[in-house]
Amino acid sequence: MPVRLTSLEAIRILDVAEIWAARTGHEVRLVSGNDHVHIRGSAHYEGRAVDFHSTDPDGLAAALRTAGYRVLWRVRGHYGHVHAEDEGPRASPRPSLAAAWPGSAFMGR
């Protein structure tokens, strides 16, 4: 089944993962958006969550957390994939994506 991204939030998460992959040389593959069966109330159904496979899932999870996303990895139900979600409106702005790659020249998009 093709993966569907139905929101700007999901596309932004994918952008962070792809930038991380390009900068680190690790592979990342989008495996789920708003397209499979998920638990009741999942952020996937609102288009705010995506799942990834990676050659370095620990590094991907760390980069996504640093970029301000809620990440589920190595927890119940999330041993085979990295889950990242946008938690919605915040009182404070999302950290700069440059923070995910200290010393990089990344200036954002």
N, C-alpha and C. Protein backbone atom coordinates (compact mmCIF):
# COMPACT_ATOMS: atom_id res chain seq x y z
N MET A 1 0.84 -1.17 0.00
CA MET A 1 0.00 0.00 0.00
C MET A 1 0.90 1.24 0.00
N PRO A 2 0.64 2.22 -0.86
CA PRO A 2 1.45 3.43 -0.90
C PRO A 2 1.29 4.25 0.40
N VAL A 3 2.35 4.90 0.78
CA VAL A 3 2.32 5.77 1.96
C VAL A 3 1.72 7.11 1.57
N ARG A 4 0.77 7.58 2.37
CA ARG A 4 0.14 8.88 2.11
C ARG A 4 0.49 9.85 3.22
N LEU A 5 0.95 11.03 2.83
CA LEU A 5 1.16 12.12 3.78
C LEU A 5 0.07 13.14 3.51
N THR A 6 -0.71 13.44 4.54
CA THR A 6 -1.91 14.26 4.34
C THR A 6 -1.84 15.61 5.02
N SER A 7 -0.67 16.02 5.48
CA SER A 7 -0.57 17.31 6.15
C SER A 7 0.83 17.90 5.98
N LEU A 8 0.92 19.19 6.16
CA LEU A 8 2.23 19.85 6.14
C LEU A 8 3.11 19.36 7.28
N GLU A 9 2.51 19.05 8.43
CA GLU A 9 3.28 18.57 9.57
C GLU A 9 4.01 17.27 9.21
N ALA A 10 3.31 16.35 8.56
CA ALA A 10 3.94 15.08 8.18
C ALA A 10 5.05 15.31 7.16
N ILE A 11 4.83 16.21 6.22
CA ILE A 11 5.85 16.52 5.22
C ILE A 11 7.07 17.15 5.89
N ARG A 12 6.86 17.98 6.88
CA ARG A 12 8.00 18.59 7.60
C ARG A 12 8.82 17.53 8.33
N ILE A 13 8.14 16.56 8.95
CA ILE A 13 8.86 15.48 9.62
C ILE A 13 9.70 14.71 8.60
N LEU A 14 9.09 14.40 7.46
CA LEU A 14 9.82 13.70 6.40
C LEU A 14 11.02 14.53 5.93
N ASP A 15 10.84 15.83 5.79
CA ASP A 15 11.96 16.70 5.39
C ASP A 15 13.12 16.59 6.37
N VAL A 16 12.83 16.63 7.67
CA VAL A 16 13.89 16.52 8.68
C VAL A 16 14.62 15.19 8.54
N ALA A 17 13.86 14.10 8.36
CA ALA A 17 14.48 12.78 8.23
C ALA A 17 15.34 12.70 6.98
N GLU A 18 14.87 13.26 5.88
CA GLU A 18 15.66 13.22 4.64
C GLU A 18 16.91 14.09 4.73
N ILE A 19 16.82 15.23 5.37
CA ILE A 19 18.00 16.08 5.56
C ILE A 19 19.01 15.36 6.45
N TRP A 20 18.52 14.75 7.53
CA TRP A 20 19.41 13.97 8.41
C TRP A 20 20.11 12.87 7.61
N ALA A 21 19.35 12.15 6.78
CA ALA A 21 19.94 11.06 5.99
C ALA A 21 21.01 11.58 5.04
N ALA A 22 20.73 12.69 4.38
CA ALA A 22 21.69 13.26 3.44
C ALA A 22 22.96 13.71 4.16
N ARG A 23 22.82 14.25 5.33
CA ARG A 23 23.98 14.77 6.07
C ARG A 23 24.81 13.67 6.72
N THR A 24 24.15 12.54 7.08
CA THR A 24 24.87 11.48 7.80
C THR A 24 25.28 10.33 6.90
N GLY A 25 24.66 10.21 5.73
CA GLY A 25 24.95 9.09 4.85
C GLY A 25 24.17 7.84 5.20
N HIS A 26 23.29 7.91 6.19
CA HIS A 26 22.45 6.76 6.55
C HIS A 26 21.19 6.77 5.70
N GLU A 27 20.59 5.60 5.57
CA GLU A 27 19.37 5.49 4.80
C GLU A 27 18.16 5.66 5.71
N VAL A 28 17.11 6.25 5.15
CA VAL A 28 15.84 6.38 5.85
C VAL A 28 14.75 6.07 4.84
N ARG A 29 13.76 5.31 5.29
CA ARG A 29 12.64 4.96 4.41
C ARG A 29 11.33 5.20 5.14
N LEU A 30 10.46 5.97 4.55
CA LEU A 30 9.14 6.23 5.08
C LEU A 30 8.30 4.96 4.91
N VAL A 31 7.73 4.46 6.00
CA VAL A 31 6.96 3.22 5.90
C VAL A 31 5.49 3.40 6.25
N SER A 32 5.12 4.50 6.89
CA SER A 32 3.71 4.70 7.21
C SER A 32 3.42 6.17 7.47
N GLY A 33 2.29 6.60 7.00
CA GLY A 33 1.76 7.94 7.27
C GLY A 33 0.32 7.75 7.71
N ASN A 34 -0.61 8.32 6.97
CA ASN A 34 -2.03 8.16 7.25
C ASN A 34 -2.58 7.12 6.29
N ASP A 35 -2.11 5.87 6.42
CA ASP A 35 -2.42 4.88 5.40
C ASP A 35 -2.61 3.46 5.90
N HIS A 36 -2.22 3.16 7.10
CA HIS A 36 -2.35 1.81 7.64
C HIS A 36 -3.28 1.84 8.85
N VAL A 37 -3.50 0.70 9.44
CA VAL A 37 -4.29 0.63 10.67
C VAL A 37 -3.37 0.95 11.83
N HIS A 38 -3.79 1.86 12.67
CA HIS A 38 -3.02 2.28 13.85
C HIS A 38 -3.94 2.20 15.06
N ILE A 39 -3.39 2.41 16.24
CA ILE A 39 -4.22 2.35 17.44
C ILE A 39 -5.23 3.50 17.45
N ARG A 40 -6.32 3.29 18.16
CA ARG A 40 -7.36 4.31 18.27
C ARG A 40 -6.76 5.61 18.80
N GLY A 41 -7.10 6.72 18.17
CA GLY A 41 -6.62 8.02 18.60
C GLY A 41 -5.21 8.36 18.11
N SER A 42 -4.65 7.52 17.26
CA SER A 42 -3.29 7.75 16.77
C SER A 42 -3.18 9.06 16.01
N ALA A 43 -2.07 9.73 16.18
CA ALA A 43 -1.78 10.96 15.43
C ALA A 43 -1.65 10.68 13.93
N HIS A 44 -1.46 9.43 13.55
CA HIS A 44 -1.41 9.07 12.13
C HIS A 44 -2.72 9.46 11.44
N TYR A 45 -3.84 9.25 12.12
CA TYR A 45 -5.14 9.53 11.50
C TYR A 45 -5.38 11.02 11.29
N GLU A 46 -4.69 11.85 12.03
CA GLU A 46 -4.78 13.30 11.87
C GLU A 46 -3.71 13.82 10.92
N GLY A 47 -2.88 12.92 10.39
CA GLY A 47 -1.81 13.33 9.49
C GLY A 47 -0.63 13.95 10.20
N ARG A 48 -0.50 13.73 11.52
CA ARG A 48 0.58 14.36 12.29
C ARG A 48 1.70 13.40 12.66
N ALA A 49 1.66 12.16 12.15
CA ALA A 49 2.69 11.18 12.53
C ALA A 49 3.13 10.37 11.33
N VAL A 50 4.40 9.97 11.36
CA VAL A 50 4.97 9.12 10.32
C VAL A 50 5.90 8.10 10.97
N ASP A 51 6.09 6.99 10.28
CA ASP A 51 6.98 5.93 10.75
C ASP A 51 8.09 5.72 9.74
N PHE A 52 9.29 5.41 10.26
CA PHE A 52 10.46 5.24 9.41
C PHE A 52 11.21 3.96 9.75
N HIS A 53 11.90 3.41 8.76
CA HIS A 53 12.98 2.44 8.95
C HIS A 53 14.26 3.19 8.60
N SER A 54 15.36 2.82 9.25
CA SER A 54 16.62 3.49 8.99
C SER A 54 17.79 2.55 9.25
N THR A 55 18.91 2.83 8.60
CA THR A 55 20.14 2.09 8.88
C THR A 55 20.74 2.54 10.21
N ASP A 56 20.28 3.66 10.76
CA ASP A 56 20.70 4.14 12.08
C ASP A 56 19.47 4.70 12.80
N PRO A 57 18.59 3.82 13.28
CA PRO A 57 17.38 4.31 13.92
C PRO A 57 17.64 5.12 15.18
N ASP A 58 18.70 4.81 15.93
CA ASP A 58 19.02 5.60 17.12
C ASP A 58 19.37 7.03 16.74
N GLY A 59 20.19 7.19 15.71
CA GLY A 59 20.58 8.52 15.25
C GLY A 59 19.40 9.30 14.70
N LEU A 60 18.54 8.62 13.93
CA LEU A 60 17.35 9.28 13.38
C LEU A 60 16.44 9.73 14.51
N ALA A 61 16.21 8.87 15.49
CA ALA A 61 15.35 9.22 16.62
C ALA A 61 15.91 10.43 17.36
N ALA A 62 17.21 10.46 17.58
CA ALA A 62 17.83 11.59 18.28
C ALA A 62 17.66 12.89 17.48
N ALA A 63 17.87 12.84 16.17
CA ALA A 63 17.73 14.04 15.35
C ALA A 63 16.30 14.56 15.36
N LEU A 64 15.33 13.65 15.27
CA LEU A 64 13.93 14.06 15.28
C LEU A 64 13.53 14.66 16.63
N ARG A 65 14.05 14.09 17.71
CA ARG A 65 13.78 14.66 19.05
C ARG A 65 14.38 16.06 19.15
N THR A 66 15.62 16.20 18.69
CA THR A 66 16.29 17.50 18.75
C THR A 66 15.53 18.53 17.93
N ALA A 67 14.90 18.11 16.85
CA ALA A 67 14.12 19.02 16.01
C ALA A 67 12.76 19.34 16.64
N GLY A 68 12.44 18.74 17.79
CA GLY A 68 11.23 19.10 18.52
C GLY A 68 10.05 18.17 18.36
N TYR A 69 10.26 16.99 17.78
CA TYR A 69 9.15 16.06 17.59
C TYR A 69 9.09 15.04 18.71
N ARG A 70 7.90 14.54 18.98
CA ARG A 70 7.72 13.42 19.91
C ARG A 70 8.12 12.17 19.14
N VAL A 71 9.02 11.38 19.70
CA VAL A 71 9.55 10.20 19.02
C VAL A 71 9.32 8.98 19.90
N LEU A 72 8.80 7.92 19.29
CA LEU A 72 8.67 6.63 19.96
C LEU A 72 9.61 5.66 19.26
N TRP A 73 10.57 5.17 20.01
CA TRP A 73 11.57 4.24 19.48
C TRP A 73 12.09 3.42 20.66
N ARG A 74 12.16 2.11 20.46
CA ARG A 74 12.58 1.18 21.49
C ARG A 74 11.65 1.21 22.71
N VAL A 75 10.38 1.40 22.42
CA VAL A 75 9.34 1.32 23.44
C VAL A 75 8.25 0.40 22.90
N ARG A 76 7.36 -0.05 23.75
CA ARG A 76 6.31 -0.99 23.36
C ARG A 76 5.65 -0.57 22.03
N GLY A 77 5.64 -1.52 21.10
CA GLY A 77 5.03 -1.29 19.80
C GLY A 77 5.90 -0.54 18.80
N HIS A 78 7.12 -0.15 19.23
CA HIS A 78 7.99 0.65 18.36
C HIS A 78 9.43 0.15 18.41
N TYR A 79 9.58 -1.17 18.28
CA TYR A 79 10.92 -1.74 18.22
C TYR A 79 11.38 -1.94 16.78
N GLY A 80 10.44 -1.98 15.84
CA GLY A 80 10.78 -2.22 14.45
C GLY A 80 10.78 -0.98 13.58
N HIS A 81 10.36 0.15 14.15
CA HIS A 81 10.31 1.40 13.37
C HIS A 81 10.39 2.60 14.31
N VAL A 82 10.83 3.71 13.76
CA VAL A 82 10.88 4.97 14.50
C VAL A 82 9.59 5.74 14.18
N HIS A 83 8.83 6.08 15.20
CA HIS A 83 7.59 6.85 15.06
C HIS A 83 7.90 8.28 15.46
N ALA A 84 7.53 9.23 14.61
CA ALA A 84 7.71 10.65 14.94
C ALA A 84 6.39 11.36 14.71
N GLU A 85 6.06 12.26 15.64
CA GLU A 85 4.82 13.00 15.49
C GLU A 85 4.97 14.44 15.95
N ASP A 86 4.17 15.26 15.31
CA ASP A 86 4.05 16.66 15.69
C ASP A 86 2.92 16.70 16.72
N GLU A 87 3.20 17.26 17.88
CA GLU A 87 2.21 17.26 18.95
C GLU A 87 1.21 18.40 18.86
N GLY A 88 1.28 19.17 17.79
CA GLY A 88 0.31 20.25 17.62
C GLY A 88 0.84 21.59 18.11
N PRO A 89 -0.06 22.55 18.32
CA PRO A 89 0.36 23.90 18.73
C PRO A 89 1.17 23.87 20.02
N ARG A 90 2.18 24.73 20.07
CA ARG A 90 3.07 24.82 21.22
C ARG A 90 3.09 26.23 21.79
N ALA A 91 3.43 26.31 23.05
CA ALA A 91 3.59 27.62 23.68
C ALA A 91 4.88 28.27 23.21
N SER A 92 5.88 27.44 22.89
CA SER A 92 7.16 27.98 22.43
C SER A 92 7.45 27.46 21.03
N PRO A 93 8.23 28.19 20.24
CA PRO A 93 8.52 27.77 18.88
C PRO A 93 9.39 26.51 18.85
N ARG A 94 9.30 25.76 17.73
CA ARG A 94 10.12 24.57 17.53
C ARG A 94 11.59 24.98 17.46
N PRO A 95 12.50 24.20 18.05
CA PRO A 95 13.92 24.54 17.96
C PRO A 95 14.37 24.59 16.50
N SER A 96 15.42 25.33 16.27
CA SER A 96 16.00 25.40 14.94
C SER A 96 16.46 24.02 14.50
N LEU A 97 16.23 23.69 13.23
CA LEU A 97 16.70 22.40 12.73
C LEU A 97 18.21 22.30 12.77
N ALA A 98 18.90 23.42 12.77
CA ALA A 98 20.36 23.40 12.85
C ALA A 98 20.82 22.74 14.14
N ALA A 99 19.99 22.79 15.19
CA ALA A 99 20.35 22.18 16.46
C ALA A 99 20.49 20.67 16.34
N ALA A 100 19.82 20.08 15.36
CA ALA A 100 19.91 18.63 15.17
C ALA A 100 21.24 18.19 14.62
N TRP A 101 22.00 19.14 14.04
CA TRP A 101 23.29 18.83 13.43
C TRP A 101 24.29 19.88 13.87
N PRO A 102 24.78 19.82 15.11
CA PRO A 102 25.74 20.82 15.57
C PRO A 102 26.93 20.93 14.61
N GLY A 103 27.33 22.16 14.36
CA GLY A 103 28.47 22.40 13.49
C GLY A 103 28.13 22.39 12.02
N SER A 104 26.85 22.14 11.70
CA SER A 104 26.48 22.09 10.28
C SER A 104 26.18 23.49 9.77
N ALA A 105 26.13 23.61 8.47
CA ALA A 105 25.82 24.88 7.85
C ALA A 105 24.33 24.96 7.50
N PHE A 106 23.53 24.02 8.02
CA PHE A 106 22.10 24.00 7.69
C PHE A 106 21.44 25.27 8.17
N MET A 107 20.75 25.94 7.25
CA MET A 107 20.12 27.22 7.58
C MET A 107 18.59 27.12 7.57
N GLY A 108 18.04 25.94 7.39
CA GLY A 108 16.58 25.78 7.37
C GLY A 108 16.02 25.98 5.98
N ARG A 109 14.72 25.69 5.85
CA ARG A 109 14.05 25.89 4.58
C ARG A 109 12.79 26.65 4.80
